[in-house]
Amino acid sequence: MKKKPLVFIGLALVVIVGLAAVKFLQPTPVWEMNAKQFSISFNAISGSTAAIDDLSRFTNFEWDTLYTFAPYTPEDFRLH
């Protein structure tokens, strides 16, 4: 009878460790990493808070899409 509580405790620990591993090992999307770094850089330069919602006000040309890539992304990958 003493084995049942140990099995349940062991199973609970495995589930908790598994859920924690999934949460902490989930990679952050490139867009979120780049947007965060842009905000930090913008705040350091301007002294105010940056909102990544409408970057067209910082450019003098029209555009519809902003592409962001991880560092060292091969050029042939970017062109597809």
N, C-alpha and C. Protein backbone atom coordinates (compact mmCIF):
# COMPACT_ATOMS: atom_id res chain seq x y z
N MET A 1 0.80 -1.20 0.00
CA MET A 1 0.00 0.00 0.00
C MET A 1 0.85 1.26 0.00
N LYS A 2 2.06 1.21 0.48
CA LYS A 2 2.90 2.39 0.55
C LYS A 2 3.44 2.79 -0.82
N LYS A 3 3.35 1.91 -1.78
CA LYS A 3 3.87 2.21 -3.10
C LYS A 3 2.96 3.17 -3.86
N LYS A 4 1.67 3.13 -3.62
CA LYS A 4 0.74 3.99 -4.34
C LYS A 4 1.02 5.48 -4.12
N PRO A 5 1.20 5.93 -2.88
CA PRO A 5 1.51 7.35 -2.70
C PRO A 5 2.82 7.76 -3.39
N LEU A 6 3.80 6.88 -3.36
CA LEU A 6 5.08 7.20 -4.02
C LEU A 6 4.91 7.30 -5.52
N VAL A 7 4.10 6.45 -6.09
CA VAL A 7 3.84 6.49 -7.53
C VAL A 7 3.14 7.79 -7.90
N PHE A 8 2.15 8.19 -7.11
CA PHE A 8 1.43 9.44 -7.39
C PHE A 8 2.34 10.66 -7.23
N ILE A 9 3.17 10.65 -6.23
CA ILE A 9 4.12 11.76 -6.03
C ILE A 9 5.11 11.81 -7.20
N GLY A 10 5.61 10.66 -7.59
CA GLY A 10 6.54 10.61 -8.73
C GLY A 10 5.89 11.07 -10.01
N LEU A 11 4.66 10.64 -10.24
CA LEU A 11 3.92 11.06 -11.44
C LEU A 11 3.67 12.56 -11.43
N ALA A 12 3.30 13.09 -10.27
CA ALA A 12 3.07 14.53 -10.15
C ALA A 12 4.35 15.32 -10.44
N LEU A 13 5.46 14.84 -9.93
CA LEU A 13 6.74 15.52 -10.18
C LEU A 13 7.10 15.49 -11.67
N VAL A 14 6.88 14.37 -12.32
CA VAL A 14 7.17 14.26 -13.75
C VAL A 14 6.30 15.24 -14.54
N VAL A 15 5.03 15.34 -14.20
CA VAL A 15 4.13 16.26 -14.89
C VAL A 15 4.57 17.70 -14.66
N ILE A 16 4.91 18.06 -13.43
CA ILE A 16 5.33 19.44 -13.13
C ILE A 16 6.62 19.78 -13.85
N VAL A 17 7.59 18.88 -13.82
CA VAL A 17 8.86 19.13 -14.51
C VAL A 17 8.64 19.22 -16.02
N GLY A 18 7.77 18.36 -16.56
CA GLY A 18 7.47 18.41 -17.99
C GLY A 18 6.83 19.72 -18.40
N LEU A 19 5.87 20.19 -17.62
CA LEU A 19 5.22 21.47 -17.94
C LEU A 19 6.21 22.64 -17.83
N ALA A 20 7.06 22.60 -16.82
CA ALA A 20 8.06 23.66 -16.68
C ALA A 20 9.03 23.65 -17.85
N ALA A 21 9.44 22.46 -18.29
CA ALA A 21 10.38 22.37 -19.41
C ALA A 21 9.74 22.91 -20.69
N VAL A 22 8.47 22.61 -20.92
CA VAL A 22 7.79 23.11 -22.11
C VAL A 22 7.71 24.63 -22.06
N LYS A 23 7.41 25.19 -20.91
CA LYS A 23 7.27 26.64 -20.78
C LYS A 23 8.61 27.35 -20.98
N PHE A 24 9.67 26.86 -20.36
CA PHE A 24 10.95 27.55 -20.40
C PHE A 24 11.76 27.24 -21.65
N LEU A 25 11.51 26.14 -22.31
CA LEU A 25 12.26 25.79 -23.50
C LEU A 25 11.59 26.26 -24.79
N GLN A 26 10.41 26.86 -24.66
CA GLN A 26 9.70 27.35 -25.84
C GLN A 26 10.45 28.58 -26.38
N PRO A 27 10.88 28.52 -27.63
CA PRO A 27 11.66 29.64 -28.17
C PRO A 27 10.79 30.89 -28.37
N THR A 28 11.41 32.04 -28.20
CA THR A 28 10.74 33.31 -28.43
C THR A 28 10.78 33.62 -29.92
N PRO A 29 9.66 34.02 -30.52
CA PRO A 29 9.67 34.36 -31.94
C PRO A 29 10.65 35.49 -32.25
N VAL A 30 11.24 35.44 -33.43
CA VAL A 30 12.23 36.44 -33.84
C VAL A 30 11.64 37.84 -33.78
N TRP A 31 10.38 37.98 -34.21
CA TRP A 31 9.76 39.31 -34.20
C TRP A 31 9.75 39.89 -32.79
N GLU A 32 9.41 39.09 -31.80
CA GLU A 32 9.35 39.60 -30.43
C GLU A 32 10.73 39.98 -29.91
N MET A 33 11.75 39.18 -30.23
CA MET A 33 13.11 39.51 -29.79
C MET A 33 13.58 40.81 -30.44
N ASN A 34 13.35 40.96 -31.76
CA ASN A 34 13.78 42.16 -32.46
C ASN A 34 13.00 43.38 -32.00
N ALA A 35 11.69 43.24 -31.77
CA ALA A 35 10.88 44.36 -31.31
C ALA A 35 11.33 44.81 -29.92
N LYS A 36 11.66 43.86 -29.05
CA LYS A 36 12.13 44.22 -27.71
C LYS A 36 13.47 44.95 -27.79
N GLN A 37 14.39 44.45 -28.61
CA GLN A 37 15.69 45.10 -28.75
C GLN A 37 15.54 46.49 -29.37
N PHE A 38 14.64 46.63 -30.35
CA PHE A 38 14.39 47.93 -30.95
C PHE A 38 13.86 48.91 -29.91
N SER A 39 12.94 48.46 -29.08
CA SER A 39 12.37 49.31 -28.03
C SER A 39 13.44 49.76 -27.05
N ILE A 40 14.32 48.85 -26.66
CA ILE A 40 15.39 49.20 -25.72
C ILE A 40 16.32 50.24 -26.35
N SER A 41 16.69 50.03 -27.62
CA SER A 41 17.57 50.98 -28.31
C SER A 41 16.89 52.33 -28.49
N PHE A 42 15.63 52.31 -28.89
CA PHE A 42 14.88 53.55 -29.10
C PHE A 42 14.76 54.33 -27.79
N ASN A 43 14.45 53.63 -26.71
CA ASN A 43 14.30 54.30 -25.42
C ASN A 43 15.61 54.92 -24.96
N ALA A 44 16.73 54.24 -25.22
CA ALA A 44 18.03 54.78 -24.82
C ALA A 44 18.37 56.04 -25.59
N ILE A 45 17.99 56.09 -26.86
CA ILE A 45 18.31 57.25 -27.70
C ILE A 45 17.37 58.41 -27.43
N SER A 46 16.07 58.13 -27.41
CA SER A 46 15.08 59.20 -27.33
C SER A 46 14.71 59.59 -25.91
N GLY A 47 14.91 58.70 -24.97
CA GLY A 47 14.53 59.00 -23.60
C GLY A 47 13.05 58.80 -23.34
N SER A 48 12.32 58.31 -24.32
CA SER A 48 10.89 58.05 -24.12
C SER A 48 10.60 56.59 -24.45
N THR A 49 9.37 56.20 -24.25
CA THR A 49 8.98 54.81 -24.45
C THR A 49 8.56 54.58 -25.90
N ALA A 50 9.05 53.49 -26.48
CA ALA A 50 8.71 53.14 -27.86
C ALA A 50 7.55 52.16 -27.88
N ALA A 51 6.65 52.36 -28.82
CA ALA A 51 5.57 51.41 -29.08
C ALA A 51 5.75 50.89 -30.49
N ILE A 52 5.86 49.59 -30.63
CA ILE A 52 6.06 48.99 -31.95
C ILE A 52 4.69 48.73 -32.55
N ASP A 53 4.07 49.76 -33.07
CA ASP A 53 2.76 49.58 -33.69
C ASP A 53 2.69 50.21 -35.07
N ASP A 54 3.28 51.39 -35.24
CA ASP A 54 3.23 52.06 -36.54
C ASP A 54 4.59 52.71 -36.81
N LEU A 55 5.46 51.96 -37.48
CA LEU A 55 6.79 52.48 -37.76
C LEU A 55 6.82 53.37 -38.99
N SER A 56 5.71 53.50 -39.70
CA SER A 56 5.70 54.32 -40.92
C SER A 56 5.93 55.80 -40.62
N ARG A 57 5.66 56.23 -39.43
CA ARG A 57 5.91 57.65 -39.10
C ARG A 57 7.40 57.97 -38.97
N PHE A 58 8.23 56.93 -38.91
CA PHE A 58 9.68 57.14 -38.83
C PHE A 58 10.35 57.07 -40.19
N THR A 59 9.59 56.84 -41.25
CA THR A 59 10.16 56.73 -42.58
C THR A 59 9.54 57.75 -43.51
N ASN A 60 10.23 58.05 -44.60
CA ASN A 60 9.71 59.01 -45.57
C ASN A 60 9.25 58.32 -46.85
N PHE A 61 8.88 57.05 -46.75
CA PHE A 61 8.37 56.29 -47.90
C PHE A 61 7.21 55.42 -47.42
N GLU A 62 6.39 54.99 -48.38
CA GLU A 62 5.25 54.15 -48.05
C GLU A 62 5.66 52.68 -48.02
N TRP A 63 5.09 51.94 -47.11
CA TRP A 63 5.37 50.53 -47.02
C TRP A 63 4.23 49.84 -46.29
N ASP A 64 4.07 48.56 -46.60
CA ASP A 64 2.99 47.78 -46.01
C ASP A 64 3.47 46.70 -45.06
N THR A 65 4.68 46.20 -45.30
CA THR A 65 5.15 45.03 -44.56
C THR A 65 6.55 45.27 -44.02
N LEU A 66 6.76 44.86 -42.79
CA LEU A 66 8.09 44.90 -42.18
C LEU A 66 8.53 43.46 -41.97
N TYR A 67 9.66 43.11 -42.53
CA TYR A 67 10.21 41.77 -42.36
C TYR A 67 11.33 41.84 -41.34
N THR A 68 11.40 40.86 -40.48
CA THR A 68 12.47 40.79 -39.49
C THR A 68 13.06 39.38 -39.52
N PHE A 69 14.39 39.30 -39.40
CA PHE A 69 15.09 38.03 -39.52
C PHE A 69 16.01 37.83 -38.34
N ALA A 70 16.27 36.59 -38.03
CA ALA A 70 17.25 36.26 -37.00
C ALA A 70 18.64 36.63 -37.52
N PRO A 71 19.58 36.92 -36.63
CA PRO A 71 20.94 37.22 -37.08
C PRO A 71 21.52 36.06 -37.90
N TYR A 72 22.29 36.41 -38.90
CA TYR A 72 22.99 35.46 -39.77
C TYR A 72 22.04 34.60 -40.61
N THR A 73 20.85 35.12 -40.89
CA THR A 73 19.94 34.41 -41.78
C THR A 73 20.50 34.46 -43.19
N PRO A 74 20.64 33.33 -43.88
CA PRO A 74 21.20 33.33 -45.22
C PRO A 74 20.34 34.17 -46.19
N GLU A 75 21.00 34.85 -47.12
CA GLU A 75 20.28 35.71 -48.06
C GLU A 75 19.29 34.95 -48.92
N ASP A 76 19.62 33.75 -49.34
CA ASP A 76 18.71 33.00 -50.18
C ASP A 76 17.42 32.64 -49.43
N PHE A 77 17.49 32.52 -48.13
CA PHE A 77 16.29 32.26 -47.34
C PHE A 77 15.39 33.49 -47.29
N ARG A 78 15.99 34.67 -47.21
CA ARG A 78 15.24 35.92 -47.11
C ARG A 78 14.49 36.26 -48.39
N LEU A 79 14.96 35.79 -49.53
CA LEU A 79 14.35 36.16 -50.79
C LEU A 79 13.14 35.33 -51.15
N HIS A 80 12.84 34.28 -50.41
CA HIS A 80 11.70 33.42 -50.74
C HIS A 80 10.46 33.93 -50.14
